[in-house]
Every structure is written in structure tokens, then in C-alpha cells.
mmCIF file of all heavy atoms, coordinates in Angstrom:
data_MODEL
# 
_entry.id   MODEL 
# 
loop_
_atom_site.group_PDB 
_atom_site.id 
_atom_site.type_symbol 
_atom_site.label_atom_id 
_atom_site.label_alt_id 
_atom_site.label_comp_id 
_atom_site.label_asym_id 
_atom_site.label_entity_id 
_atom_site.label_seq_id 
_atom_site.pdbx_PDB_ins_code 
_atom_site.Cartn_x 
_atom_site.Cartn_y 
_atom_site.Cartn_z 
_atom_site.occupancy 
_atom_site.B_iso_or_equiv 
_atom_site.pdbx_formal_charge 
_atom_site.auth_seq_id 
_atom_site.auth_comp_id 
_atom_site.auth_asym_id 
_atom_site.auth_atom_id 
_atom_site.pdbx_PDB_model_num 
ATOM 1   N N   . THR A 1 1  ? 148.529 56.671 18.894  1.00 0.00 ? 1  THR A N   1 
ATOM 2   C CA  . THR A 1 1  ? 149.107 55.938 17.771  1.00 0.00 ? 1  THR A CA  1 
ATOM 3   C C   . THR A 1 1  ? 149.814 56.905 16.840  1.00 0.00 ? 1  THR A C   1 
ATOM 4   O O   . THR A 1 1  ? 149.447 58.089 16.764  1.00 0.00 ? 1  THR A O   1 
ATOM 5   C CB  . THR A 1 1  ? 147.994 55.183 17.014  1.00 0.00 ? 1  THR A CB  1 
ATOM 6   O OG1 . THR A 1 1  ? 147.261 54.376 17.940  1.00 0.00 ? 1  THR A OG1 1 
ATOM 7   C CG2 . THR A 1 1  ? 148.545 54.284 15.920  1.00 0.00 ? 1  THR A CG2 1 
ATOM 8   N N   . ASP A 1 2  ? 150.797 56.388 16.120  1.00 0.00 ? 2  ASP A N   1 
ATOM 9   C CA  . ASP A 1 2  ? 151.437 57.136 15.039  1.00 0.00 ? 2  ASP A CA  1 
ATOM 10  C C   . ASP A 1 2  ? 150.359 57.845 14.218  1.00 0.00 ? 2  ASP A C   1 
ATOM 11  O O   . ASP A 1 2  ? 149.456 57.200 13.689  1.00 0.00 ? 2  ASP A O   1 
ATOM 12  C CB  . ASP A 1 2  ? 152.210 56.125 14.166  1.00 0.00 ? 2  ASP A CB  1 
ATOM 13  C CG  . ASP A 1 2  ? 152.757 56.733 12.873  1.00 0.00 ? 2  ASP A CG  1 
ATOM 14  O OD1 . ASP A 1 2  ? 152.722 57.966 12.723  1.00 0.00 ? 2  ASP A OD1 1 
ATOM 15  O OD2 . ASP A 1 2  ? 153.208 55.944 12.029  1.00 0.00 ? 2  ASP A OD2 1 
ATOM 16  N N   . PRO A 1 3  ? 150.384 59.180 14.103  1.00 0.00 ? 3  PRO A N   1 
ATOM 17  C CA  . PRO A 1 3  ? 149.315 59.894 13.387  1.00 0.00 ? 3  PRO A CA  1 
ATOM 18  C C   . PRO A 1 3  ? 149.228 59.546 11.904  1.00 0.00 ? 3  PRO A C   1 
ATOM 19  O O   . PRO A 1 3  ? 148.218 59.836 11.262  1.00 0.00 ? 3  PRO A O   1 
ATOM 20  C CB  . PRO A 1 3  ? 149.672 61.375 13.588  1.00 0.00 ? 3  PRO A CB  1 
ATOM 21  C CG  . PRO A 1 3  ? 151.097 61.394 14.023  1.00 0.00 ? 3  PRO A CG  1 
ATOM 22  C CD  . PRO A 1 3  ? 151.365 60.100 14.702  1.00 0.00 ? 3  PRO A CD  1 
ATOM 23  N N   . ASP A 1 4  ? 150.264 58.888 11.369  1.00 0.00 ? 4  ASP A N   1 
ATOM 24  C CA  . ASP A 1 4  ? 150.229 58.467 9.972   1.00 0.00 ? 4  ASP A CA  1 
ATOM 25  C C   . ASP A 1 4  ? 150.027 56.960 9.843   1.00 0.00 ? 4  ASP A C   1 
ATOM 26  O O   . ASP A 1 4  ? 150.466 56.336 8.868   1.00 0.00 ? 4  ASP A O   1 
ATOM 27  C CB  . ASP A 1 4  ? 151.507 58.896 9.246   1.00 0.00 ? 4  ASP A CB  1 
ATOM 28  C CG  . ASP A 1 4  ? 151.539 60.401 9.000   1.00 0.00 ? 4  ASP A CG  1 
ATOM 29  O OD1 . ASP A 1 4  ? 150.557 60.922 8.441   1.00 0.00 ? 4  ASP A OD1 1 
ATOM 30  O OD2 . ASP A 1 4  ? 152.527 61.049 9.390   1.00 0.00 ? 4  ASP A OD2 1 
ATOM 31  N N   . ALA A 1 5  ? 149.361 56.366 10.837  1.00 0.00 ? 5  ALA A N   1 
ATOM 32  C CA  . ALA A 1 5  ? 148.981 54.953 10.754  1.00 0.00 ? 5  ALA A CA  1 
ATOM 33  C C   . ALA A 1 5  ? 147.691 54.827 9.942   1.00 0.00 ? 5  ALA A C   1 
ATOM 34  O O   . ALA A 1 5  ? 146.758 55.602 10.134  1.00 0.00 ? 5  ALA A O   1 
ATOM 35  C CB  . ALA A 1 5  ? 148.785 54.375 12.152  1.00 0.00 ? 5  ALA A CB  1 
ATOM 36  N N   . VAL A 1 6  ? 147.647 53.845 9.048   1.00 0.00 ? 6  VAL A N   1 
ATOM 37  C CA  . VAL A 1 6  ? 146.502 53.688 8.148   1.00 0.00 ? 6  VAL A CA  1 
ATOM 38  C C   . VAL A 1 6  ? 146.007 52.240 8.186   1.00 0.00 ? 6  VAL A C   1 
ATOM 39  O O   . VAL A 1 6  ? 146.795 51.302 8.054   1.00 0.00 ? 6  VAL A O   1 
ATOM 40  C CB  . VAL A 1 6  ? 146.869 54.074 6.694   1.00 0.00 ? 6  VAL A CB  1 
ATOM 41  C CG1 . VAL A 1 6  ? 145.704 53.819 5.752   1.00 0.00 ? 6  VAL A CG1 1 
ATOM 42  C CG2 . VAL A 1 6  ? 147.295 55.544 6.630   1.00 0.00 ? 6  VAL A CG2 1 
ATOM 43  N N   . LYS A 1 7  ? 144.707 52.091 8.356   1.00 0.00 ? 7  LYS A N   1 
ATOM 44  C CA  . LYS A 1 7  ? 144.081 50.764 8.334   1.00 0.00 ? 7  LYS A CA  1 
ATOM 45  C C   . LYS A 1 7  ? 143.994 50.282 6.886   1.00 0.00 ? 7  LYS A C   1 
ATOM 46  O O   . LYS A 1 7  ? 143.513 50.994 6.006   1.00 0.00 ? 7  LYS A O   1 
ATOM 47  C CB  . LYS A 1 7  ? 142.680 50.828 8.950   1.00 0.00 ? 7  LYS A CB  1 
ATOM 48  C CG  . LYS A 1 7  ? 141.916 49.504 8.950   1.00 0.00 ? 7  LYS A CG  1 
ATOM 49  C CD  . LYS A 1 7  ? 142.497 48.531 9.950   1.00 0.00 ? 7  LYS A CD  1 
ATOM 50  C CE  . LYS A 1 7  ? 141.750 47.195 9.946   1.00 0.00 ? 7  LYS A CE  1 
ATOM 51  N NZ  . LYS A 1 7  ? 140.358 47.326 10.397  1.00 0.00 ? 7  LYS A NZ  1 
ATOM 52  N N   . ILE A 1 8  ? 144.440 49.060 6.648   1.00 0.00 ? 8  ILE A N   1 
ATOM 53  C CA  . ILE A 1 8  ? 144.447 48.454 5.321   1.00 0.00 ? 8  ILE A CA  1 
ATOM 54  C C   . ILE A 1 8  ? 143.531 47.241 5.338   1.00 0.00 ? 8  ILE A C   1 
ATOM 55  O O   . ILE A 1 8  ? 143.585 46.419 6.255   1.00 0.00 ? 8  ILE A O   1 
ATOM 56  C CB  . ILE A 1 8  ? 145.873 48.017 4.925   1.00 0.00 ? 8  ILE A CB  1 
ATOM 57  C CG1 . ILE A 1 8  ? 146.835 49.207 4.930   1.00 0.00 ? 8  ILE A CG1 1 
ATOM 58  C CG2 . ILE A 1 8  ? 145.869 47.314 3.569   1.00 0.00 ? 8  ILE A CG2 1 
ATOM 59  C CD1 . ILE A 1 8  ? 146.556 50.257 3.896   1.00 0.00 ? 8  ILE A CD1 1 
ATOM 60  N N   . ARG A 1 9  ? 142.706 47.114 4.299   1.00 0.00 ? 9  ARG A N   1 
ATOM 61  C CA  . ARG A 1 9  ? 141.793 45.972 4.210   1.00 0.00 ? 9  ARG A CA  1 
ATOM 62  C C   . ARG A 1 9  ? 141.492 45.672 2.749   1.00 0.00 ? 9  ARG A C   1 
ATOM 63  O O   . ARG A 1 9  ? 141.809 46.465 1.851   1.00 0.00 ? 9  ARG A O   1 
ATOM 64  C CB  . ARG A 1 9  ? 140.501 46.251 4.962   1.00 0.00 ? 9  ARG A CB  1 
ATOM 65  C CG  . ARG A 1 9  ? 139.738 47.478 4.471   1.00 0.00 ? 9  ARG A CG  1 
ATOM 66  C CD  . ARG A 1 9  ? 138.355 47.530 5.078   1.00 0.00 ? 9  ARG A CD  1 
ATOM 67  N NE  . ARG A 1 9  ? 137.542 46.411 4.634   1.00 0.00 ? 9  ARG A NE  1 
ATOM 68  C CZ  . ARG A 1 9  ? 136.518 45.903 5.321   1.00 0.00 ? 9  ARG A CZ  1 
ATOM 69  N NH1 . ARG A 1 9  ? 136.188 46.422 6.483   1.00 0.00 ? 9  ARG A NH1 1 
ATOM 70  N NH2 . ARG A 1 9  ? 135.815 44.898 4.848   1.00 0.00 ? 9  ARG A NH2 1 
ATOM 71  N N   . ALA A 1 10 ? 140.887 44.521 2.505   1.00 0.00 ? 10 ALA A N   1 
ATOM 72  C CA  . ALA A 1 10 ? 140.382 44.213 1.165   1.00 0.00 ? 10 ALA A CA  1 
ATOM 73  C C   . ALA A 1 10 ? 139.102 45.005 0.945   1.00 0.00 ? 10 ALA A C   1 
ATOM 74  O O   . ALA A 1 10 ? 138.367 45.310 1.888   1.00 0.00 ? 10 ALA A O   1 
ATOM 75  C CB  . ALA A 1 10 ? 140.111 42.722 1.035   1.00 0.00 ? 10 ALA A CB  1 
ATOM 76  N N   . GLU A 1 11 ? 138.840 45.335 -0.308  1.00 0.00 ? 11 GLU A N   1 
ATOM 77  C CA  . GLU A 1 11 ? 137.708 46.210 -0.621  1.00 0.00 ? 11 GLU A CA  1 
ATOM 78  C C   . GLU A 1 11 ? 137.165 45.849 -2.006  1.00 0.00 ? 11 GLU A C   1 
ATOM 79  O O   . GLU A 1 11 ? 137.292 46.597 -2.965  1.00 0.00 ? 11 GLU A O   1 
ATOM 80  C CB  . GLU A 1 11 ? 138.185 47.660 -0.576  1.00 0.00 ? 11 GLU A CB  1 
ATOM 81  C CG  . GLU A 1 11 ? 137.104 48.687 -0.461  1.00 0.00 ? 11 GLU A CG  1 
ATOM 82  C CD  . GLU A 1 11 ? 137.663 50.090 -0.280  1.00 0.00 ? 11 GLU A CD  1 
ATOM 83  O OE1 . GLU A 1 11 ? 138.830 50.234 0.151   1.00 0.00 ? 11 GLU A OE1 1 
ATOM 84  O OE2 . GLU A 1 11 ? 136.930 51.044 -0.580  1.00 0.00 ? 11 GLU A OE2 1 
ATOM 85  N N   . ASP A 1 12 ? 136.561 44.678 -2.084  1.00 0.00 ? 12 ASP A N   1 
ATOM 86  C CA  . ASP A 1 12 ? 136.048 44.192 -3.373  1.00 0.00 ? 12 ASP A CA  1 
ATOM 87  C C   . ASP A 1 12 ? 135.143 45.223 -4.038  1.00 0.00 ? 12 ASP A C   1 
ATOM 88  O O   . ASP A 1 12 ? 134.278 45.816 -3.384  1.00 0.00 ? 12 ASP A O   1 
ATOM 89  C CB  . ASP A 1 12 ? 135.243 42.902 -3.168  1.00 0.00 ? 12 ASP A CB  1 
ATOM 90  C CG  . ASP A 1 12 ? 136.071 41.783 -2.553  1.00 0.00 ? 12 ASP A CG  1 
ATOM 91  O OD1 . ASP A 1 12 ? 136.463 41.919 -1.368  1.00 0.00 ? 12 ASP A OD1 1 
ATOM 92  O OD2 . ASP A 1 12 ? 136.326 40.804 -3.239  1.00 0.00 ? 12 ASP A OD2 1 
ATOM 93  N N   . GLY A 1 13 ? 135.354 45.420 -5.343  1.00 0.00 ? 13 GLY A N   1 
ATOM 94  C CA  . GLY A 1 13 ? 134.459 46.272 -6.120  1.00 0.00 ? 13 GLY A CA  1 
ATOM 95  C C   . GLY A 1 13 ? 134.865 47.724 -6.191  1.00 0.00 ? 13 GLY A C   1 
ATOM 96  O O   . GLY A 1 13 ? 134.211 48.511 -6.876  1.00 0.00 ? 13 GLY A O   1 
ATOM 97  N N   . ARG A 1 14 ? 135.936 48.121 -5.535  1.00 0.00 ? 14 ARG A N   1 
ATOM 98  C CA  . ARG A 1 14 ? 136.302 49.541 -5.522  1.00 0.00 ? 14 ARG A CA  1 
ATOM 99  C C   . ARG A 1 14 ? 136.979 49.933 -6.837  1.00 0.00 ? 14 ARG A C   1 
ATOM 100 O O   . ARG A 1 14 ? 137.517 49.116 -7.569  1.00 0.00 ? 14 ARG A O   1 
ATOM 101 C CB  . ARG A 1 14 ? 137.203 49.894 -4.349  1.00 0.00 ? 14 ARG A CB  1 
ATOM 102 C CG  . ARG A 1 14 ? 138.568 49.234 -4.339  1.00 0.00 ? 14 ARG A CG  1 
ATOM 103 C CD  . ARG A 1 14 ? 139.605 50.066 -3.595  1.00 0.00 ? 14 ARG A CD  1 
ATOM 104 N NE  . ARG A 1 14 ? 139.962 51.272 -4.326  1.00 0.00 ? 14 ARG A NE  1 
ATOM 105 C CZ  . ARG A 1 14 ? 141.042 51.996 -4.092  1.00 0.00 ? 14 ARG A CZ  1 
ATOM 106 N NH1 . ARG A 1 14 ? 141.870 51.644 -3.125  1.00 0.00 ? 14 ARG A NH1 1 
ATOM 107 N NH2 . ARG A 1 14 ? 141.321 53.066 -4.807  1.00 0.00 ? 14 ARG A NH2 1 
ATOM 108 N N   . GLN A 1 15 ? 136.933 51.233 -7.114  1.00 0.00 ? 15 GLN A N   1 
ATOM 109 C CA  . GLN A 1 15 ? 137.641 51.818 -8.251  1.00 0.00 ? 15 GLN A CA  1 
ATOM 110 C C   . GLN A 1 15 ? 139.129 51.931 -7.922  1.00 0.00 ? 15 GLN A C   1 
ATOM 111 O O   . GLN A 1 15 ? 139.497 52.339 -6.822  1.00 0.00 ? 15 GLN A O   1 
ATOM 112 C CB  . GLN A 1 15 ? 137.073 53.213 -8.544  1.00 0.00 ? 15 GLN A CB  1 
ATOM 113 C CG  . GLN A 1 15 ? 137.820 53.998 -9.615  1.00 0.00 ? 15 GLN A CG  1 
ATOM 114 C CD  . GLN A 1 15 ? 137.442 53.574 -11.011 1.00 0.00 ? 15 GLN A CD  1 
ATOM 115 O OE1 . GLN A 1 15 ? 136.318 53.130 -11.238 1.00 0.00 ? 15 GLN A OE1 1 
ATOM 116 N NE2 . GLN A 1 15 ? 138.353 53.707 -11.951 1.00 0.00 ? 15 GLN A NE2 1 
ATOM 117 N N   . VAL A 1 16 ? 139.972 51.551 -8.875  1.00 0.00 ? 16 VAL A N   1 
ATOM 118 C CA  . VAL A 1 16 ? 141.415 51.748 -8.760  1.00 0.00 ? 16 VAL A CA  1 
ATOM 119 C C   . VAL A 1 16 ? 141.871 52.414 -10.050 1.00 0.00 ? 16 VAL A C   1 
ATOM 120 O O   . VAL A 1 16 ? 141.506 51.979 -11.148 1.00 0.00 ? 16 VAL A O   1 
ATOM 121 C CB  . VAL A 1 16 ? 142.167 50.413 -8.553  1.00 0.00 ? 16 VAL A CB  1 
ATOM 122 C CG1 . VAL A 1 16 ? 143.676 50.639 -8.527  1.00 0.00 ? 16 VAL A CG1 1 
ATOM 123 C CG2 . VAL A 1 16 ? 141.715 49.724 -7.269  1.00 0.00 ? 16 VAL A CG2 1 
ATOM 124 N N   . THR A 1 17 ? 142.676 53.477 -9.933  1.00 0.00 ? 17 THR A N   1 
ATOM 125 C CA  . THR A 1 17 ? 143.089 54.227 -11.125 1.00 0.00 ? 17 THR A CA  1 
ATOM 126 C C   . THR A 1 17 ? 144.591 54.464 -11.134 1.00 0.00 ? 17 THR A C   1 
ATOM 127 O O   . THR A 1 17 ? 145.123 55.186 -10.279 1.00 0.00 ? 17 THR A O   1 
ATOM 128 C CB  . THR A 1 17 ? 142.365 55.584 -11.189 1.00 0.00 ? 17 THR A CB  1 
ATOM 129 O OG1 . THR A 1 17 ? 140.950 55.390 -11.065 1.00 0.00 ? 17 THR A OG1 1 
ATOM 130 C CG2 . THR A 1 17 ? 142.633 56.269 -12.529 1.00 0.00 ? 17 THR A CG2 1 
ATOM 131 N N   . ALA A 1 18 ? 145.270 53.815 -12.078 1.00 0.00 ? 18 ALA A N   1 
ATOM 132 C CA  . ALA A 1 18 ? 146.693 54.038 -12.364 1.00 0.00 ? 18 ALA A CA  1 
ATOM 133 C C   . ALA A 1 18 ? 147.583 53.869 -11.129 1.00 0.00 ? 18 ALA A C   1 
ATOM 134 O O   . ALA A 1 18 ? 148.453 54.695 -10.856 1.00 0.00 ? 18 ALA A O   1 
ATOM 135 C CB  . ALA A 1 18 ? 146.902 55.414 -12.993 1.00 0.00 ? 18 ALA A CB  1 
ATOM 136 N N   . VAL A 1 19 ? 147.369 52.790 -10.384 1.00 0.00 ? 19 VAL A N   1 
ATOM 137 C CA  . VAL A 1 19 ? 148.170 52.516 -9.193  1.00 0.00 ? 19 VAL A CA  1 
ATOM 138 C C   . VAL A 1 19 ? 149.201 51.438 -9.521  1.00 0.00 ? 19 VAL A C   1 
ATOM 139 O O   . VAL A 1 19 ? 148.885 50.431 -10.158 1.00 0.00 ? 19 VAL A O   1 
ATOM 140 C CB  . VAL A 1 19 ? 147.279 52.049 -8.016  1.00 0.00 ? 19 VAL A CB  1 
ATOM 141 C CG1 . VAL A 1 19 ? 148.126 51.738 -6.785  1.00 0.00 ? 19 VAL A CG1 1 
ATOM 142 C CG2 . VAL A 1 19 ? 146.251 53.119 -7.682  1.00 0.00 ? 19 VAL A CG2 1 
ATOM 143 N N   . ASN A 1 20 ? 150.419 51.638 -9.075  1.00 0.00 ? 20 ASN A N   1 
ATOM 144 C CA  . ASN A 1 20 ? 151.481 50.651 -9.269  1.00 0.00 ? 20 ASN A CA  1 
ATOM 145 C C   . ASN A 1 20 ? 151.361 49.574 -8.194  1.00 0.00 ? 20 ASN A C   1 
ATOM 146 O O   . ASN A 1 20 ? 151.827 49.758 -7.071  1.00 0.00 ? 20 ASN A O   1 
ATOM 147 C CB  . ASN A 1 20 ? 152.846 51.329 -9.206  1.00 0.00 ? 20 ASN A CB  1 
ATOM 148 C CG  . ASN A 1 20 ? 153.983 50.335 -9.424  1.00 0.00 ? 20 ASN A CG  1 
ATOM 149 O OD1 . ASN A 1 20 ? 153.750 49.166 -9.745  1.00 0.00 ? 20 ASN A OD1 1 
ATOM 150 N ND2 . ASN A 1 20 ? 155.211 50.784 -9.231  1.00 0.00 ? 20 ASN A ND2 1 
ATOM 151 N N   . ILE A 1 21 ? 150.746 48.448 -8.545  1.00 0.00 ? 21 ILE A N   1 
ATOM 152 C CA  . ILE A 1 21 ? 150.603 47.351 -7.580  1.00 0.00 ? 21 ILE A CA  1 
ATOM 153 C C   . ILE A 1 21 ? 151.592 46.228 -7.876  1.00 0.00 ? 21 ILE A C   1 
ATOM 154 O O   . ILE A 1 21 ? 151.499 45.134 -7.311  1.00 0.00 ? 21 ILE A O   1 
ATOM 155 C CB  . ILE A 1 21 ? 149.157 46.795 -7.563  1.00 0.00 ? 21 ILE A CB  1 
ATOM 156 C CG1 . ILE A 1 21 ? 148.755 46.252 -8.941  1.00 0.00 ? 21 ILE A CG1 1 
ATOM 157 C CG2 . ILE A 1 21 ? 148.171 47.848 -7.088  1.00 0.00 ? 21 ILE A CG2 1 
ATOM 158 C CD1 . ILE A 1 21 ? 147.431 45.484 -8.936  1.00 0.00 ? 21 ILE A CD1 1 
ATOM 159 N N   . SER A 1 22 ? 152.589 46.504 -8.749  1.00 0.00 ? 22 SER A N   1 
ATOM 160 C CA  . SER A 1 22 ? 153.527 45.464 -9.165  1.00 0.00 ? 22 SER A CA  1 
ATOM 161 C C   . SER A 1 22 ? 154.366 44.879 -8.026  1.00 0.00 ? 22 SER A C   1 
ATOM 162 O O   . SER A 1 22 ? 154.815 43.731 -8.154  1.00 0.00 ? 22 SER A O   1 
ATOM 163 C CB  . SER A 1 22 ? 154.442 45.990 -10.270 1.00 0.00 ? 22 SER A CB  1 
ATOM 164 O OG  . SER A 1 22 ? 155.252 47.052 -9.812  1.00 0.00 ? 22 SER A OG  1 
ATOM 165 N N   . PRO A 1 23 ? 154.598 45.582 -6.899  1.00 0.00 ? 23 PRO A N   1 
ATOM 166 C CA  . PRO A 1 23 ? 155.296 44.899 -5.807  1.00 0.00 ? 23 PRO A CA  1 
ATOM 167 C C   . PRO A 1 23 ? 154.544 43.684 -5.278  1.00 0.00 ? 23 PRO A C   1 
ATOM 168 O O   . PRO A 1 23 ? 155.154 42.791 -4.676  1.00 0.00 ? 23 PRO A O   1 
ATOM 169 C CB  . PRO A 1 23 ? 155.401 45.985 -4.730  1.00 0.00 ? 23 PRO A CB  1 
ATOM 170 C CG  . PRO A 1 23 ? 155.416 47.267 -5.493  1.00 0.00 ? 23 PRO A CG  1 
ATOM 171 C CD  . PRO A 1 23 ? 154.455 47.031 -6.626  1.00 0.00 ? 23 PRO A CD  1 
ATOM 172 N N   . PHE A 1 24 ? 153.238 43.631 -5.514  1.00 0.00 ? 24 PHE A N   1 
ATOM 173 C CA  . PHE A 1 24 ? 152.426 42.512 -5.018  1.00 0.00 ? 24 PHE A CA  1 
ATOM 174 C C   . PHE A 1 24 ? 151.804 41.666 -6.125  1.00 0.00 ? 24 PHE A C   1 
ATOM 175 O O   . PHE A 1 24 ? 151.555 40.476 -5.920  1.00 0.00 ? 24 PHE A O   1 
ATOM 176 C CB  . PHE A 1 24 ? 151.307 43.048 -4.109  1.00 0.00 ? 24 PHE A CB  1 
ATOM 177 C CG  . PHE A 1 24 ? 151.795 43.739 -2.881  1.00 0.00 ? 24 PHE A CG  1 
ATOM 178 C CD1 . PHE A 1 24 ? 151.768 45.121 -2.776  1.00 0.00 ? 24 PHE A CD1 1 
ATOM 179 C CD2 . PHE A 1 24 ? 152.320 43.011 -1.820  1.00 0.00 ? 24 PHE A CD2 1 
ATOM 180 C CE1 . PHE A 1 24 ? 152.235 45.770 -1.647  1.00 0.00 ? 24 PHE A CE1 1 
ATOM 181 C CE2 . PHE A 1 24 ? 152.790 43.651 -0.680  1.00 0.00 ? 24 PHE A CE2 1 
ATOM 182 C CZ  . PHE A 1 24 ? 152.749 45.036 -0.592  1.00 0.00 ? 24 PHE A CZ  1 
ATOM 183 N N   . ILE A 1 25 ? 151.517 42.261 -7.261  1.00 0.00 ? 25 ILE A N   1 
ATOM 184 C CA  . ILE A 1 25 ? 150.802 41.532 -8.310  1.00 0.00 ? 25 ILE A CA  1 
ATOM 185 C C   . ILE A 1 25 ? 151.472 41.782 -9.659  1.00 0.00 ? 25 ILE A C   1 
ATOM 186 O O   . ILE A 1 25 ? 151.680 42.931 -10.060 1.00 0.00 ? 25 ILE A O   1 
ATOM 187 C CB  . ILE A 1 25 ? 149.314 41.946 -8.352  1.00 0.00 ? 25 ILE A CB  1 
ATOM 188 C CG1 . ILE A 1 25 ? 148.653 41.611 -7.007  1.00 0.00 ? 25 ILE A CG1 1 
ATOM 189 C CG2 . ILE A 1 25 ? 148.582 41.248 -9.487  1.00 0.00 ? 25 ILE A CG2 1 
ATOM 190 C CD1 . ILE A 1 25 ? 147.215 42.014 -6.875  1.00 0.00 ? 25 ILE A CD1 1 
ATOM 191 N N   . ASN A 1 26 ? 151.786 40.680 -10.355 1.00 0.00 ? 26 ASN A N   1 
ATOM 192 C CA  . ASN A 1 26 ? 152.438 40.735 -11.661 1.00 0.00 ? 26 ASN A CA  1 
ATOM 193 C C   . ASN A 1 26 ? 151.918 39.610 -12.544 1.00 0.00 ? 26 ASN A C   1 
ATOM 194 O O   . ASN A 1 26 ? 151.282 38.662 -12.065 1.00 0.00 ? 26 ASN A O   1 
ATOM 195 C CB  . ASN A 1 26 ? 153.964 40.589 -11.517 1.00 0.00 ? 26 ASN A CB  1 
ATOM 196 C CG  . ASN A 1 26 ? 154.620 41.898 -11.147 1.00 0.00 ? 26 ASN A CG  1 
ATOM 197 O OD1 . ASN A 1 26 ? 154.655 42.830 -11.944 1.00 0.00 ? 26 ASN A OD1 1 
ATOM 198 N ND2 . ASN A 1 26 ? 155.146 41.974 -9.922  1.00 0.00 ? 26 ASN A ND2 1 
ATOM 199 N N   . ASN A 1 27 ? 152.221 39.719 -13.823 1.00 0.00 ? 27 ASN A N   1 
ATOM 200 C CA  . ASN A 1 27 ? 151.952 38.624 -14.766 1.00 0.00 ? 27 ASN A CA  1 
ATOM 201 C C   . ASN A 1 27 ? 150.508 38.147 -14.728 1.00 0.00 ? 27 ASN A C   1 
ATOM 202 O O   . ASN A 1 27 ? 150.227 36.946 -14.626 1.00 0.00 ? 27 ASN A O   1 
ATOM 203 C CB  . ASN A 1 27 ? 152.899 37.433 -14.499 1.00 0.00 ? 27 ASN A CB  1 
ATOM 204 C CG  . ASN A 1 27 ? 154.350 37.854 -14.509 1.00 0.00 ? 27 ASN A CG  1 
ATOM 205 O OD1 . ASN A 1 27 ? 154.753 38.648 -15.355 1.00 0.00 ? 27 ASN A OD1 1 
ATOM 206 N ND2 . ASN A 1 27 ? 155.125 37.332 -13.569 1.00 0.00 ? 27 ASN A ND2 1 
ATOM 207 N N   . LEU A 1 28 ? 149.572 39.080 -14.790 1.00 0.00 ? 28 LEU A N   1 
ATOM 208 C CA  . LEU A 1 28 ? 148.166 38.699 -14.850 1.00 0.00 ? 28 LEU A CA  1 
ATOM 209 C C   . LEU A 1 28 ? 147.893 37.972 -16.157 1.00 0.00 ? 28 LEU A C   1 
ATOM 210 O O   . LEU A 1 28 ? 148.520 38.253 -17.192 1.00 0.00 ? 28 LEU A O   1 
ATOM 211 C CB  . LEU A 1 28 ? 147.282 39.940 -14.736 1.00 0.00 ? 28 LEU A CB  1 
ATOM 212 C CG  . LEU A 1 28 ? 147.274 40.618 -13.353 1.00 0.00 ? 28 LEU A CG  1 
ATOM 213 C CD1 . LEU A 1 28 ? 146.478 41.916 -13.400 1.00 0.00 ? 28 LEU A CD1 1 
ATOM 214 C CD2 . LEU A 1 28 ? 146.711 39.690 -12.289 1.00 0.00 ? 28 LEU A CD2 1 
ATOM 215 N N   . PRO A 1 29 ? 146.949 37.019 -16.158 1.00 0.00 ? 29 PRO A N   1 
ATOM 216 C CA  . PRO A 1 29 ? 146.687 36.207 -17.353 1.00 0.00 ? 29 PRO A CA  1 
ATOM 217 C C   . PRO A 1 29 ? 146.346 37.026 -18.596 1.00 0.00 ? 29 PRO A C   1 
ATOM 218 O O   . PRO A 1 29 ? 146.668 36.635 -19.710 1.00 0.00 ? 29 PRO A O   1 
ATOM 219 C CB  . PRO A 1 29 ? 145.498 35.344 -16.931 1.00 0.00 ? 29 PRO A CB  1 
ATOM 220 C CG  . PRO A 1 29 ? 145.610 35.257 -15.442 1.00 0.00 ? 29 PRO A CG  1 
ATOM 221 C CD  . PRO A 1 29 ? 146.155 36.572 -15.010 1.00 0.00 ? 29 PRO A CD  1 
ATOM 222 N N   . ASN A 1 30 ? 145.696 38.152 -18.436 1.00 0.00 ? 30 ASN A N   1 
ATOM 223 C CA  . ASN A 1 30 ? 145.328 38.981 -19.590 1.00 0.00 ? 30 ASN A CA  1 
ATOM 224 C C   . ASN A 1 30 ? 146.408 39.995 -19.951 1.00 0.00 ? 30 ASN A C   1 
ATOM 225 O O   . ASN A 1 30 ? 146.169 40.930 -20.717 1.00 0.00 ? 30 ASN A O   1 
ATOM 226 C CB  . ASN A 1 30 ? 143.997 39.696 -19.338 1.00 0.00 ? 30 ASN A CB  1 
ATOM 227 C CG  . ASN A 1 30 ? 144.044 40.556 -18.081 1.00 0.00 ? 30 ASN A CG  1 
ATOM 228 O OD1 . ASN A 1 30 ? 145.095 40.689 -17.450 1.00 0.00 ? 30 ASN A OD1 1 
ATOM 229 N ND2 . ASN A 1 30 ? 142.906 41.139 -17.715 1.00 0.00 ? 30 ASN A ND2 1 
ATOM 230 N N   . ALA A 1 31 ? 147.590 39.820 -19.373 1.00 0.00 ? 31 ALA A N   1 
ATOM 231 C CA  . ALA A 1 31 ? 148.742 40.690 -19.643 1.00 0.00 ? 31 ALA A CA  1 
ATOM 232 C C   . ALA A 1 31 ? 148.487 42.146 -19.263 1.00 0.00 ? 31 ALA A C   1 
ATOM 233 O O   . ALA A 1 31 ? 149.095 43.059 -19.810 1.00 0.00 ? 31 ALA A O   1 
ATOM 234 C CB  . ALA A 1 31 ? 149.159 40.597 -21.111 1.00 0.00 ? 31 ALA A CB  1 
# 
């Protein structure tokens, strides 16, 4: 396989720090 292939999954409860997720998520209710 492409050596830079990465498995992607949901991961409830994980820490996320300063990631730009705006291509997928915008306009959250709490702004």
C-alpha cells in the first residue's frame, strides 16, 4: 500500500488542539 496511507475513523472523547476543521464543520451553535 501507499506508505503514506492513513486509517481514518471516529474517535469520541479524544483531545483536539487548534485544528482547522472548517472544511467539514462550521457555524457551531455556540459560535
